[in-house]
Amino acid sequence: MTAARLLCIDDEQRILDLLVEELRDHGFEVRGLTTSARAIEEIQAFKPNLVVCDIMMPPPSGFDLLEQIRGRNDHIASILFIFLSALGDRVEVLKGRRLGADDFVTKPIDFEMLAEIIKSRLNRSPQNRTVPPKVSLTEREVEALAWSAKGKSSTDIAVLMNVSERTVNFHISNAMRKLGVATRIQAAVRASIAGLIPC
């Protein structure tokens, strides 16, 4: 069986080396980066199954990186992503969740726990990474999301649908919640894959 590939990002070399070594001992194929600046390039080349990333790093931060990833309009947008950070307060965790993080593990690192969390995430059904079963969008949600997928802004969509901009944002937010995603682009991609809106 092929080992799952992990990309670990931490600007502290000592922690990164330990992280890579420990996760390799748990049977994963691991690569490490000390900066998130080349992360997208490395993801495209290495094709990891999951990213483990620190938050507090020289720009771009872990939050910045996840926002870039979730904002993409390709397969990279749905990659599994776990934050690993000394920041464990509610505000930081909520920010990470809202950006689309799959999990949030605090330092100091319990490597056995981290490995189990990674395995649990990887073992979940692939369909859970696309569209939850039995998703049902209203006609207005479909229309708003379809226009959004074509690159229209909320202001443009409001004119096209003859409603207020606030109403457009309401419909799109509802669609995002139903689809279990953090951004409009993710919602459009998942809805398109599921046949809920025109491709």
N, C-alpha and C. Protein backbone atom coordinates (compact mmCIF):
# COMPACT_ATOMS: atom_id res chain seq x y z
N MET A 1 0.84 -1.20 0.00
CA MET A 1 0.00 0.00 0.00
C MET A 1 0.88 1.25 0.00
N THR A 2 0.56 2.21 -0.87
CA THR A 2 1.35 3.43 -0.99
C THR A 2 1.14 4.32 0.23
N ALA A 3 2.25 4.84 0.76
CA ALA A 3 2.16 5.71 1.94
C ALA A 3 1.53 7.04 1.57
N ALA A 4 0.71 7.57 2.46
CA ALA A 4 0.11 8.89 2.25
C ALA A 4 1.22 9.93 2.28
N ARG A 5 1.09 10.94 1.42
CA ARG A 5 2.09 12.00 1.32
C ARG A 5 1.66 13.21 2.14
N LEU A 6 2.57 13.71 2.97
CA LEU A 6 2.30 14.87 3.81
C LEU A 6 3.30 15.98 3.50
N LEU A 7 2.81 17.21 3.46
CA LEU A 7 3.68 18.37 3.35
C LEU A 7 3.59 19.12 4.67
N CYS A 8 4.74 19.27 5.36
CA CYS A 8 4.80 19.96 6.65
C CYS A 8 5.50 21.30 6.48
N ILE A 9 4.90 22.34 7.05
CA ILE A 9 5.46 23.69 6.91
C ILE A 9 5.60 24.33 8.29
N ASP A 10 6.83 24.66 8.66
CA ASP A 10 7.11 25.32 9.93
C ASP A 10 8.41 26.09 9.79
N ASP A 11 8.42 27.35 10.18
CA ASP A 11 9.62 28.17 9.98
C ASP A 11 10.72 27.88 10.99
N GLU A 12 10.42 27.10 12.03
CA GLU A 12 11.47 26.71 12.98
C GLU A 12 12.05 25.36 12.53
N GLN A 13 13.30 25.39 12.06
CA GLN A 13 13.92 24.21 11.47
C GLN A 13 13.95 23.02 12.42
N ARG A 14 14.21 23.27 13.69
CA ARG A 14 14.28 22.17 14.67
C ARG A 14 12.94 21.46 14.78
N ILE A 15 11.87 22.25 14.86
CA ILE A 15 10.53 21.66 14.97
C ILE A 15 10.17 20.94 13.68
N LEU A 16 10.50 21.55 12.54
CA LEU A 16 10.20 20.93 11.25
C LEU A 16 10.90 19.58 11.10
N ASP A 17 12.19 19.53 11.46
CA ASP A 17 12.95 18.29 11.36
C ASP A 17 12.33 17.19 12.23
N LEU A 18 11.93 17.57 13.44
CA LEU A 18 11.31 16.61 14.35
C LEU A 18 9.96 16.14 13.81
N LEU A 19 9.21 17.06 13.28
CA LEU A 19 7.90 16.75 12.71
C LEU A 19 8.02 15.77 11.55
N VAL A 20 8.95 16.05 10.65
CA VAL A 20 9.17 15.18 9.49
C VAL A 20 9.62 13.79 9.94
N GLU A 21 10.57 13.74 10.86
CA GLU A 21 11.10 12.46 11.35
C GLU A 21 10.01 11.62 12.02
N GLU A 22 9.24 12.26 12.91
CA GLU A 22 8.21 11.53 13.65
C GLU A 22 7.11 11.01 12.72
N LEU A 23 6.69 11.82 11.77
CA LEU A 23 5.62 11.40 10.87
C LEU A 23 6.11 10.33 9.89
N ARG A 24 7.37 10.38 9.53
CA ARG A 24 7.93 9.29 8.71
C ARG A 24 7.94 7.99 9.50
N ASP A 25 8.24 8.08 10.79
CA ASP A 25 8.23 6.89 11.65
C ASP A 25 6.82 6.29 11.76
N HIS A 26 5.81 7.12 11.53
CA HIS A 26 4.42 6.63 11.55
C HIS A 26 3.97 6.13 10.18
N GLY A 27 4.90 6.06 9.24
CA GLY A 27 4.60 5.45 7.95
C GLY A 27 4.21 6.38 6.82
N PHE A 28 4.33 7.69 7.04
CA PHE A 28 3.98 8.64 5.99
C PHE A 28 5.19 9.01 5.14
N GLU A 29 4.93 9.41 3.90
CA GLU A 29 5.97 10.01 3.06
C GLU A 29 5.88 11.52 3.30
N VAL A 30 6.96 12.11 3.78
CA VAL A 30 6.88 13.50 4.25
C VAL A 30 7.93 14.39 3.60
N ARG A 31 7.51 15.59 3.25
CA ARG A 31 8.43 16.65 2.83
C ARG A 31 8.20 17.85 3.73
N GLY A 32 9.26 18.63 3.94
CA GLY A 32 9.15 19.80 4.82
C GLY A 32 9.57 21.08 4.14
N LEU A 33 8.94 22.18 4.54
CA LEU A 33 9.30 23.51 4.07
C LEU A 33 9.39 24.44 5.28
N THR A 34 10.37 25.36 5.26
CA THR A 34 10.50 26.33 6.35
C THR A 34 9.81 27.65 6.01
N THR A 35 9.17 27.73 4.86
CA THR A 35 8.43 28.92 4.46
C THR A 35 7.22 28.50 3.65
N SER A 36 6.14 29.27 3.76
CA SER A 36 4.95 28.95 2.97
C SER A 36 4.98 29.62 1.60
N ALA A 37 6.04 30.40 1.33
CA ALA A 37 6.12 31.13 0.06
C ALA A 37 6.11 30.20 -1.15
N ARG A 38 6.72 29.01 -1.00
CA ARG A 38 6.79 28.05 -2.11
C ARG A 38 5.79 26.90 -1.94
N ALA A 39 4.87 27.05 -1.04
CA ALA A 39 3.97 25.94 -0.71
C ALA A 39 3.09 25.52 -1.88
N ILE A 40 2.50 26.46 -2.58
CA ILE A 40 1.62 26.12 -3.71
C ILE A 40 2.41 25.36 -4.77
N GLU A 41 3.59 25.85 -5.06
CA GLU A 41 4.48 25.19 -6.04
C GLU A 41 4.81 23.77 -5.59
N GLU A 42 5.09 23.60 -4.30
CA GLU A 42 5.43 22.28 -3.76
C GLU A 42 4.22 21.34 -3.77
N ILE A 43 3.06 21.88 -3.49
CA ILE A 43 1.83 21.08 -3.53
C ILE A 43 1.58 20.56 -4.94
N GLN A 44 1.79 21.42 -5.92
CA GLN A 44 1.59 21.01 -7.31
C GLN A 44 2.59 19.94 -7.73
N ALA A 45 3.83 20.03 -7.24
CA ALA A 45 4.87 19.08 -7.62
C ALA A 45 4.79 17.77 -6.84
N PHE A 46 4.60 17.87 -5.54
CA PHE A 46 4.63 16.70 -4.64
C PHE A 46 3.28 15.98 -4.55
N LYS A 47 2.20 16.75 -4.78
CA LYS A 47 0.83 16.23 -4.70
C LYS A 47 0.55 15.53 -3.35
N PRO A 48 0.72 16.25 -2.25
CA PRO A 48 0.47 15.64 -0.94
C PRO A 48 -1.01 15.37 -0.73
N ASN A 49 -1.30 14.41 0.14
CA ASN A 49 -2.68 14.12 0.50
C ASN A 49 -3.18 15.07 1.59
N LEU A 50 -2.22 15.67 2.31
CA LEU A 50 -2.58 16.52 3.44
C LEU A 50 -1.44 17.48 3.75
N VAL A 51 -1.78 18.68 4.21
CA VAL A 51 -0.79 19.69 4.60
C VAL A 51 -0.90 19.94 6.10
N VAL A 52 0.25 19.92 6.79
CA VAL A 52 0.32 20.30 8.20
C VAL A 52 1.12 21.59 8.24
N CYS A 53 0.52 22.66 8.77
CA CYS A 53 1.15 23.97 8.63
C CYS A 53 1.09 24.79 9.91
N ASP A 54 2.21 25.42 10.25
CA ASP A 54 2.27 26.37 11.36
C ASP A 54 1.51 27.64 10.95
N ILE A 55 1.10 28.43 11.93
CA ILE A 55 0.39 29.67 11.62
C ILE A 55 1.32 30.87 11.61
N MET A 56 2.05 31.07 12.72
CA MET A 56 2.89 32.26 12.85
C MET A 56 4.21 32.08 12.14
N MET A 57 4.27 32.59 10.91
CA MET A 57 5.48 32.52 10.09
C MET A 57 5.66 33.85 9.38
N PRO A 58 6.89 34.13 8.91
CA PRO A 58 7.06 35.31 8.06
C PRO A 58 6.10 35.23 6.89
N PRO A 59 5.58 36.36 6.42
CA PRO A 59 4.57 36.34 5.35
C PRO A 59 5.00 35.48 4.14
N PRO A 60 4.04 34.71 3.61
CA PRO A 60 2.66 34.59 4.04
C PRO A 60 2.51 33.68 5.26
N SER A 61 1.64 34.07 6.16
CA SER A 61 1.39 33.26 7.36
C SER A 61 0.60 32.01 6.97
N GLY A 62 0.42 31.11 7.94
CA GLY A 62 -0.39 29.93 7.68
C GLY A 62 -1.80 30.29 7.27
N PHE A 63 -2.38 31.31 7.91
CA PHE A 63 -3.72 31.77 7.56
C PHE A 63 -3.74 32.26 6.11
N ASP A 64 -2.72 33.04 5.74
CA ASP A 64 -2.63 33.56 4.36
C ASP A 64 -2.56 32.41 3.35
N LEU A 65 -1.75 31.40 3.68
CA LEU A 65 -1.59 30.26 2.78
C LEU A 65 -2.91 29.53 2.60
N LEU A 66 -3.60 29.25 3.70
CA LEU A 66 -4.86 28.51 3.59
C LEU A 66 -5.88 29.31 2.78
N GLU A 67 -5.90 30.62 2.98
CA GLU A 67 -6.83 31.46 2.22
C GLU A 67 -6.52 31.38 0.73
N GLN A 68 -5.23 31.38 0.38
CA GLN A 68 -4.84 31.23 -1.03
C GLN A 68 -5.30 29.89 -1.59
N ILE A 69 -5.08 28.83 -0.81
CA ILE A 69 -5.43 27.48 -1.26
C ILE A 69 -6.94 27.34 -1.45
N ARG A 70 -7.71 27.75 -0.44
CA ARG A 70 -9.17 27.60 -0.53
C ARG A 70 -9.79 28.51 -1.59
N GLY A 71 -9.05 29.55 -1.98
CA GLY A 71 -9.56 30.46 -3.00
C GLY A 71 -9.28 30.04 -4.42
N ARG A 72 -8.56 28.94 -4.60
CA ARG A 72 -8.21 28.47 -5.94
C ARG A 72 -9.42 27.79 -6.60
N ASN A 73 -9.34 27.70 -7.92
CA ASN A 73 -10.44 27.07 -8.66
C ASN A 73 -9.96 25.77 -9.30
N ASP A 74 -9.23 24.97 -8.51
CA ASP A 74 -8.75 23.68 -9.01
C ASP A 74 -8.73 22.67 -7.87
N HIS A 75 -8.15 21.48 -8.12
CA HIS A 75 -8.17 20.40 -7.12
C HIS A 75 -7.44 20.76 -5.83
N ILE A 76 -6.49 21.68 -5.92
CA ILE A 76 -5.72 22.08 -4.74
C ILE A 76 -6.63 22.71 -3.68
N ALA A 77 -7.71 23.34 -4.11
CA ALA A 77 -8.61 24.05 -3.19
C ALA A 77 -9.19 23.15 -2.11
N SER A 78 -9.31 21.85 -2.39
CA SER A 78 -9.95 20.95 -1.42
C SER A 78 -8.97 20.07 -0.66
N ILE A 79 -7.68 20.38 -0.74
CA ILE A 79 -6.68 19.56 -0.05
C ILE A 79 -6.91 19.60 1.47
N LEU A 80 -6.70 18.47 2.13
CA LEU A 80 -6.81 18.42 3.59
C LEU A 80 -5.75 19.31 4.21
N PHE A 81 -6.13 20.07 5.23
CA PHE A 81 -5.22 21.07 5.80
C PHE A 81 -5.38 21.11 7.32
N ILE A 82 -4.29 20.88 8.03
CA ILE A 82 -4.29 20.90 9.49
C ILE A 82 -3.34 21.99 9.99
N PHE A 83 -3.86 22.86 10.84
CA PHE A 83 -3.00 23.86 11.47
C PHE A 83 -2.31 23.26 12.68
N LEU A 84 -1.03 23.60 12.81
CA LEU A 84 -0.24 23.18 13.96
C LEU A 84 0.36 24.45 14.53
N SER A 85 -0.05 24.83 15.75
CA SER A 85 0.37 26.13 16.25
C SER A 85 0.35 26.23 17.76
N ALA A 86 1.15 27.16 18.26
CA ALA A 86 1.14 27.47 19.69
C ALA A 86 -0.09 28.31 20.02
N LEU A 87 -0.74 28.85 18.99
CA LEU A 87 -1.93 29.65 19.20
C LEU A 87 -3.14 28.73 19.34
N GLY A 88 -3.68 28.65 20.54
CA GLY A 88 -4.80 27.74 20.75
C GLY A 88 -6.04 28.42 21.29
N ASP A 89 -6.06 29.77 21.27
CA ASP A 89 -7.22 30.45 21.82
C ASP A 89 -8.40 30.38 20.84
N ARG A 90 -9.57 30.62 21.34
CA ARG A 90 -10.81 30.46 20.59
C ARG A 90 -10.83 31.30 19.31
N VAL A 91 -10.34 32.53 19.39
CA VAL A 91 -10.35 33.42 18.23
C VAL A 91 -9.54 32.84 17.08
N GLU A 92 -8.34 32.32 17.40
CA GLU A 92 -7.49 31.76 16.35
C GLU A 92 -8.09 30.48 15.76
N VAL A 93 -8.66 29.65 16.63
CA VAL A 93 -9.28 28.41 16.16
C VAL A 93 -10.46 28.73 15.24
N LEU A 94 -11.29 29.68 15.64
CA LEU A 94 -12.43 30.06 14.82
C LEU A 94 -11.99 30.62 13.47
N LYS A 95 -10.93 31.43 13.49
CA LYS A 95 -10.43 31.99 12.24
C LYS A 95 -9.96 30.86 11.32
N GLY A 96 -9.22 29.90 11.88
CA GLY A 96 -8.76 28.77 11.08
C GLY A 96 -9.90 27.97 10.51
N ARG A 97 -10.93 27.70 11.32
CA ARG A 97 -12.10 26.94 10.86
C ARG A 97 -12.82 27.69 9.75
N ARG A 98 -12.98 28.99 9.94
CA ARG A 98 -13.71 29.79 8.93
C ARG A 98 -12.97 29.86 7.60
N LEU A 99 -11.66 29.77 7.67
CA LEU A 99 -10.87 29.76 6.44
C LEU A 99 -10.90 28.39 5.75
N GLY A 100 -11.41 27.38 6.48
CA GLY A 100 -11.54 26.07 5.86
C GLY A 100 -10.56 25.03 6.35
N ALA A 101 -9.93 25.26 7.52
CA ALA A 101 -9.02 24.26 8.08
C ALA A 101 -9.80 23.01 8.47
N ASP A 102 -9.20 21.84 8.25
CA ASP A 102 -9.85 20.58 8.61
C ASP A 102 -9.63 20.22 10.07
N ASP A 103 -8.55 20.72 10.65
CA ASP A 103 -8.30 20.46 12.07
C ASP A 103 -7.31 21.48 12.60
N PHE A 104 -7.16 21.52 13.92
CA PHE A 104 -6.33 22.52 14.58
C PHE A 104 -5.65 21.85 15.76
N VAL A 105 -4.34 21.63 15.67
CA VAL A 105 -3.59 20.94 16.72
C VAL A 105 -2.61 21.93 17.35
N THR A 106 -2.62 22.00 18.70
CA THR A 106 -1.76 22.97 19.38
C THR A 106 -0.43 22.36 19.81
N LYS A 107 0.57 23.22 19.89
CA LYS A 107 1.88 22.84 20.41
C LYS A 107 1.85 22.98 21.93
N PRO A 108 2.68 22.25 22.68
CA PRO A 108 3.68 21.28 22.22
C PRO A 108 3.02 20.07 21.55
N ILE A 109 3.72 19.49 20.60
CA ILE A 109 3.14 18.47 19.75
C ILE A 109 3.12 17.10 20.42
N ASP A 110 1.94 16.51 20.43
CA ASP A 110 1.80 15.10 20.80
C ASP A 110 1.79 14.35 19.47
N PHE A 111 2.94 13.80 19.09
CA PHE A 111 3.08 13.22 17.75
C PHE A 111 2.17 12.03 17.51
N GLU A 112 1.95 11.24 18.54
CA GLU A 112 1.04 10.10 18.37
C GLU A 112 -0.38 10.57 18.11
N MET A 113 -0.79 11.60 18.84
CA MET A 113 -2.11 12.17 18.63
C MET A 113 -2.22 12.79 17.24
N LEU A 114 -1.19 13.53 16.83
CA LEU A 114 -1.18 14.15 15.51
C LEU A 114 -1.29 13.09 14.42
N ALA A 115 -0.53 12.01 14.56
CA ALA A 115 -0.58 10.93 13.56
C ALA A 115 -1.97 10.32 13.46
N GLU A 116 -2.64 10.16 14.60
CA GLU A 116 -3.98 9.58 14.60
C GLU A 116 -4.99 10.53 13.96
N ILE A 117 -4.82 11.82 14.22
CA ILE A 117 -5.71 12.82 13.61
C ILE A 117 -5.53 12.80 12.10
N ILE A 118 -4.28 12.74 11.65
CA ILE A 118 -4.01 12.68 10.21
C ILE A 118 -4.62 11.43 9.59
N LYS A 119 -4.42 10.28 10.22
CA LYS A 119 -4.98 9.03 9.70
C LYS A 119 -6.49 9.09 9.63
N SER A 120 -7.10 9.67 10.65
CA SER A 120 -8.55 9.79 10.69
C SER A 120 -9.06 10.64 9.53
N ARG A 121 -8.39 11.75 9.30
CA ARG A 121 -8.77 12.63 8.19
C ARG A 121 -8.60 11.93 6.84
N LEU A 122 -7.49 11.22 6.69
CA LEU A 122 -7.22 10.55 5.42
C LEU A 122 -8.16 9.38 5.15
N ASN A 123 -8.65 8.76 6.22
CA ASN A 123 -9.51 7.58 6.06
C ASN A 123 -10.96 7.92 5.79
N ARG A 124 -11.32 9.17 5.87
CA ARG A 124 -12.69 9.55 5.60
C ARG A 124 -12.99 9.40 4.12
N SER A 125 -14.24 9.12 3.82
CA SER A 125 -14.65 8.88 2.44
C SER A 125 -14.31 10.07 1.56
N PRO A 126 -13.74 9.82 0.38
CA PRO A 126 -13.41 10.92 -0.54
C PRO A 126 -14.61 11.78 -0.89
N GLN A 127 -15.81 11.20 -0.91
CA GLN A 127 -16.97 12.00 -1.28
C GLN A 127 -17.27 13.09 -0.26
N ASN A 128 -16.78 12.91 0.95
CA ASN A 128 -16.98 13.94 1.96
C ASN A 128 -16.12 15.17 1.68
N ARG A 129 -15.15 15.02 0.77
CA ARG A 129 -14.31 16.15 0.39
C ARG A 129 -14.92 16.93 -0.76
N THR A 130 -16.02 16.45 -1.32
CA THR A 130 -16.64 17.18 -2.42
C THR A 130 -17.97 17.78 -1.97
N VAL A 131 -19.06 17.01 -2.10
CA VAL A 131 -20.36 17.52 -1.72
C VAL A 131 -21.04 16.59 -0.75
N PRO A 132 -21.52 17.07 0.38
CA PRO A 132 -22.24 16.21 1.30
C PRO A 132 -23.46 15.62 0.59
N PRO A 133 -23.87 14.39 0.98
CA PRO A 133 -25.01 13.77 0.33
C PRO A 133 -26.30 14.54 0.59
N LYS A 134 -27.21 14.46 -0.39
CA LYS A 134 -28.55 15.04 -0.28
C LYS A 134 -28.54 16.54 -0.06
N VAL A 135 -27.60 17.23 -0.70
CA VAL A 135 -27.59 18.69 -0.64
C VAL A 135 -28.70 19.22 -1.54
N SER A 136 -29.49 20.12 -1.02
CA SER A 136 -30.58 20.69 -1.80
C SER A 136 -30.50 22.21 -1.74
N LEU A 137 -30.34 22.83 -2.89
CA LEU A 137 -30.28 24.29 -2.97
C LEU A 137 -31.59 24.84 -3.50
N THR A 138 -32.01 26.01 -3.01
CA THR A 138 -33.21 26.66 -3.53
C THR A 138 -32.90 27.23 -4.91
N GLU A 139 -33.95 27.61 -5.65
CA GLU A 139 -33.75 28.18 -6.98
C GLU A 139 -32.92 29.45 -6.91
N ARG A 140 -33.18 30.27 -5.91
CA ARG A 140 -32.44 31.52 -5.75
C ARG A 140 -30.97 31.26 -5.42
N GLU A 141 -30.71 30.27 -4.57
CA GLU A 141 -29.33 29.91 -4.22
C GLU A 141 -28.58 29.41 -5.46
N VAL A 142 -29.26 28.59 -6.26
CA VAL A 142 -28.65 28.08 -7.50
C VAL A 142 -28.32 29.23 -8.44
N GLU A 143 -29.29 30.14 -8.61
CA GLU A 143 -29.10 31.26 -9.52
C GLU A 143 -27.94 32.16 -9.07
N ALA A 144 -27.93 32.49 -7.79
CA ALA A 144 -26.87 33.36 -7.26
C ALA A 144 -25.50 32.70 -7.38
N LEU A 145 -25.45 31.41 -7.07
CA LEU A 145 -24.18 30.68 -7.13
C LEU A 145 -23.70 30.53 -8.57
N ALA A 146 -24.64 30.31 -9.49
CA ALA A 146 -24.28 30.17 -10.91
C ALA A 146 -23.67 31.47 -11.44
N TRP A 147 -24.28 32.61 -11.08
CA TRP A 147 -23.71 33.89 -11.51
C TRP A 147 -22.35 34.12 -10.86
N SER A 148 -22.23 33.75 -9.59
CA SER A 148 -20.96 33.89 -8.88
C SER A 148 -19.87 33.06 -9.57
N ALA A 149 -20.24 31.86 -10.02
CA ALA A 149 -19.28 30.98 -10.70
C ALA A 149 -18.78 31.59 -12.01
N LYS A 150 -19.58 32.49 -12.57
CA LYS A 150 -19.19 33.17 -13.82
C LYS A 150 -18.40 34.44 -13.55
N GLY A 151 -18.06 34.66 -12.28
CA GLY A 151 -17.21 35.80 -11.93
C GLY A 151 -17.94 37.08 -11.61
N LYS A 152 -19.26 37.00 -11.48
CA LYS A 152 -20.03 38.20 -11.17
C LYS A 152 -19.93 38.56 -9.68
N SER A 153 -19.87 39.84 -9.38
CA SER A 153 -19.83 40.30 -7.99
C SER A 153 -21.24 40.31 -7.42
N SER A 154 -21.34 40.46 -6.11
CA SER A 154 -22.66 40.53 -5.48
C SER A 154 -23.47 41.69 -6.03
N THR A 155 -22.80 42.80 -6.32
CA THR A 155 -23.48 43.98 -6.88
C THR A 155 -24.06 43.66 -8.25
N ASP A 156 -23.27 43.00 -9.09
CA ASP A 156 -23.73 42.61 -10.43
C ASP A 156 -24.90 41.64 -10.34
N ILE A 157 -24.75 40.65 -9.44
CA ILE A 157 -25.78 39.62 -9.30
C ILE A 157 -27.09 40.23 -8.80
N ALA A 158 -26.99 41.22 -7.92
CA ALA A 158 -28.19 41.89 -7.40
C ALA A 158 -28.99 42.52 -8.54
N VAL A 159 -28.29 43.14 -9.47
CA VAL A 159 -28.96 43.75 -10.64
C VAL A 159 -29.58 42.67 -11.52
N LEU A 160 -28.82 41.60 -11.78
CA LEU A 160 -29.29 40.52 -12.65
C LEU A 160 -30.50 39.79 -12.06
N MET A 161 -30.52 39.65 -10.73
CA MET A 161 -31.61 38.93 -10.08
C MET A 161 -32.73 39.86 -9.59
N ASN A 162 -32.49 41.18 -9.74
CA ASN A 162 -33.46 42.18 -9.32
C ASN A 162 -33.79 42.07 -7.82
N VAL A 163 -32.72 41.90 -7.02
CA VAL A 163 -32.85 41.85 -5.56
C VAL A 163 -31.75 42.73 -4.96
N SER A 164 -31.73 42.86 -3.64
CA SER A 164 -30.68 43.65 -3.00
C SER A 164 -29.38 42.85 -2.91
N GLU A 165 -28.28 43.57 -2.78
CA GLU A 165 -26.98 42.92 -2.62
C GLU A 165 -26.96 42.06 -1.36
N ARG A 166 -27.64 42.55 -0.33
CA ARG A 166 -27.72 41.79 0.93
C ARG A 166 -28.42 40.45 0.72
N THR A 167 -29.45 40.44 -0.10
CA THR A 167 -30.18 39.21 -0.40
C THR A 167 -29.29 38.23 -1.17
N VAL A 168 -28.51 38.76 -2.09
CA VAL A 168 -27.57 37.91 -2.85
C VAL A 168 -26.59 37.24 -1.89
N ASN A 169 -26.00 38.03 -1.00
CA ASN A 169 -25.03 37.49 -0.04
C ASN A 169 -25.68 36.46 0.87
N PHE A 170 -26.93 36.68 1.22
CA PHE A 170 -27.67 35.74 2.05
C PHE A 170 -27.81 34.39 1.33
N HIS A 171 -28.21 34.42 0.06
CA HIS A 171 -28.39 33.18 -0.70
C HIS A 171 -27.06 32.45 -0.89
N ILE A 172 -26.01 33.18 -1.19
CA ILE A 172 -24.71 32.55 -1.40
C ILE A 172 -24.16 31.97 -0.10
N SER A 173 -24.34 32.70 1.00
CA SER A 173 -23.90 32.20 2.30
C SER A 173 -24.63 30.91 2.68
N ASN A 174 -25.93 30.86 2.39
CA ASN A 174 -26.70 29.65 2.65
C ASN A 174 -26.18 28.48 1.83
N ALA A 175 -25.87 28.74 0.56
CA ALA A 175 -25.36 27.69 -0.32
C ALA A 175 -24.00 27.19 0.18
N MET A 176 -23.14 28.10 0.61
CA MET A 176 -21.83 27.72 1.14
C MET A 176 -21.98 26.85 2.38
N ARG A 177 -22.91 27.23 3.26
CA ARG A 177 -23.14 26.45 4.48
C ARG A 177 -23.64 25.05 4.14
N LYS A 178 -24.58 24.95 3.23
CA LYS A 178 -25.13 23.64 2.84
C LYS A 178 -24.07 22.76 2.20
N LEU A 179 -23.18 23.37 1.44
CA LEU A 179 -22.14 22.62 0.75
C LEU A 179 -20.92 22.36 1.63
N GLY A 180 -20.88 22.97 2.81
CA GLY A 180 -19.79 22.73 3.74
C GLY A 180 -18.47 23.31 3.31
N VAL A 181 -18.50 24.53 2.75
CA VAL A 181 -17.28 25.17 2.25
C VAL A 181 -17.11 26.55 2.86
N ALA A 182 -15.92 27.13 2.64
CA ALA A 182 -15.59 28.42 3.26
C ALA A 182 -15.59 29.59 2.28
N THR A 183 -15.58 29.30 0.97
CA THR A 183 -15.52 30.39 -0.02
C THR A 183 -16.54 30.18 -1.13
N ARG A 184 -16.81 31.25 -1.86
CA ARG A 184 -17.75 31.18 -2.99
C ARG A 184 -17.20 30.26 -4.09
N ILE A 185 -15.91 30.36 -4.32
CA ILE A 185 -15.31 29.54 -5.38
C ILE A 185 -15.46 28.06 -5.06
N GLN A 186 -15.18 27.69 -3.81
CA GLN A 186 -15.36 26.29 -3.40
C GLN A 186 -16.80 25.86 -3.59
N ALA A 187 -17.73 26.73 -3.22
CA ALA A 187 -19.15 26.40 -3.35
C ALA A 187 -19.51 26.17 -4.81
N ALA A 188 -19.01 27.04 -5.68
CA ALA A 188 -19.30 26.91 -7.11
C ALA A 188 -18.72 25.61 -7.67
N VAL A 189 -17.48 25.29 -7.27
CA VAL A 189 -16.83 24.07 -7.76
C VAL A 189 -17.60 22.83 -7.30
N ARG A 190 -17.93 22.77 -6.02
CA ARG A 190 -18.62 21.59 -5.49
C ARG A 190 -20.03 21.46 -6.05
N ALA A 191 -20.72 22.58 -6.19
CA ALA A 191 -22.07 22.54 -6.74
C ALA A 191 -22.05 22.11 -8.21
N SER A 192 -21.03 22.55 -8.92
CA SER A 192 -20.88 22.17 -10.33
C SER A 192 -20.60 20.67 -10.46
N ILE A 193 -19.68 20.17 -9.61
CA ILE A 193 -19.35 18.73 -9.63
C ILE A 193 -20.59 17.89 -9.34
N ALA A 194 -21.41 18.38 -8.43
CA ALA A 194 -22.62 17.65 -8.02
C ALA A 194 -23.78 17.83 -8.99
N GLY A 195 -23.59 18.68 -10.01
CA GLY A 195 -24.65 18.90 -10.98
C GLY A 195 -25.75 19.81 -10.48
N LEU A 196 -25.46 20.58 -9.43
CA LEU A 196 -26.47 21.47 -8.85
C LEU A 196 -26.56 22.79 -9.60
N ILE A 197 -25.47 23.18 -10.27
CA ILE A 197 -25.49 24.38 -11.11
C ILE A 197 -24.84 24.02 -12.44
N PRO A 198 -25.13 24.79 -13.52
CA PRO A 198 -24.51 24.50 -14.82
C PRO A 198 -23.00 24.62 -14.75
N CYS A 199 -22.28 23.75 -15.46
CA CYS A 199 -20.82 23.80 -15.49
C CYS A 199 -20.36 25.00 -16.32
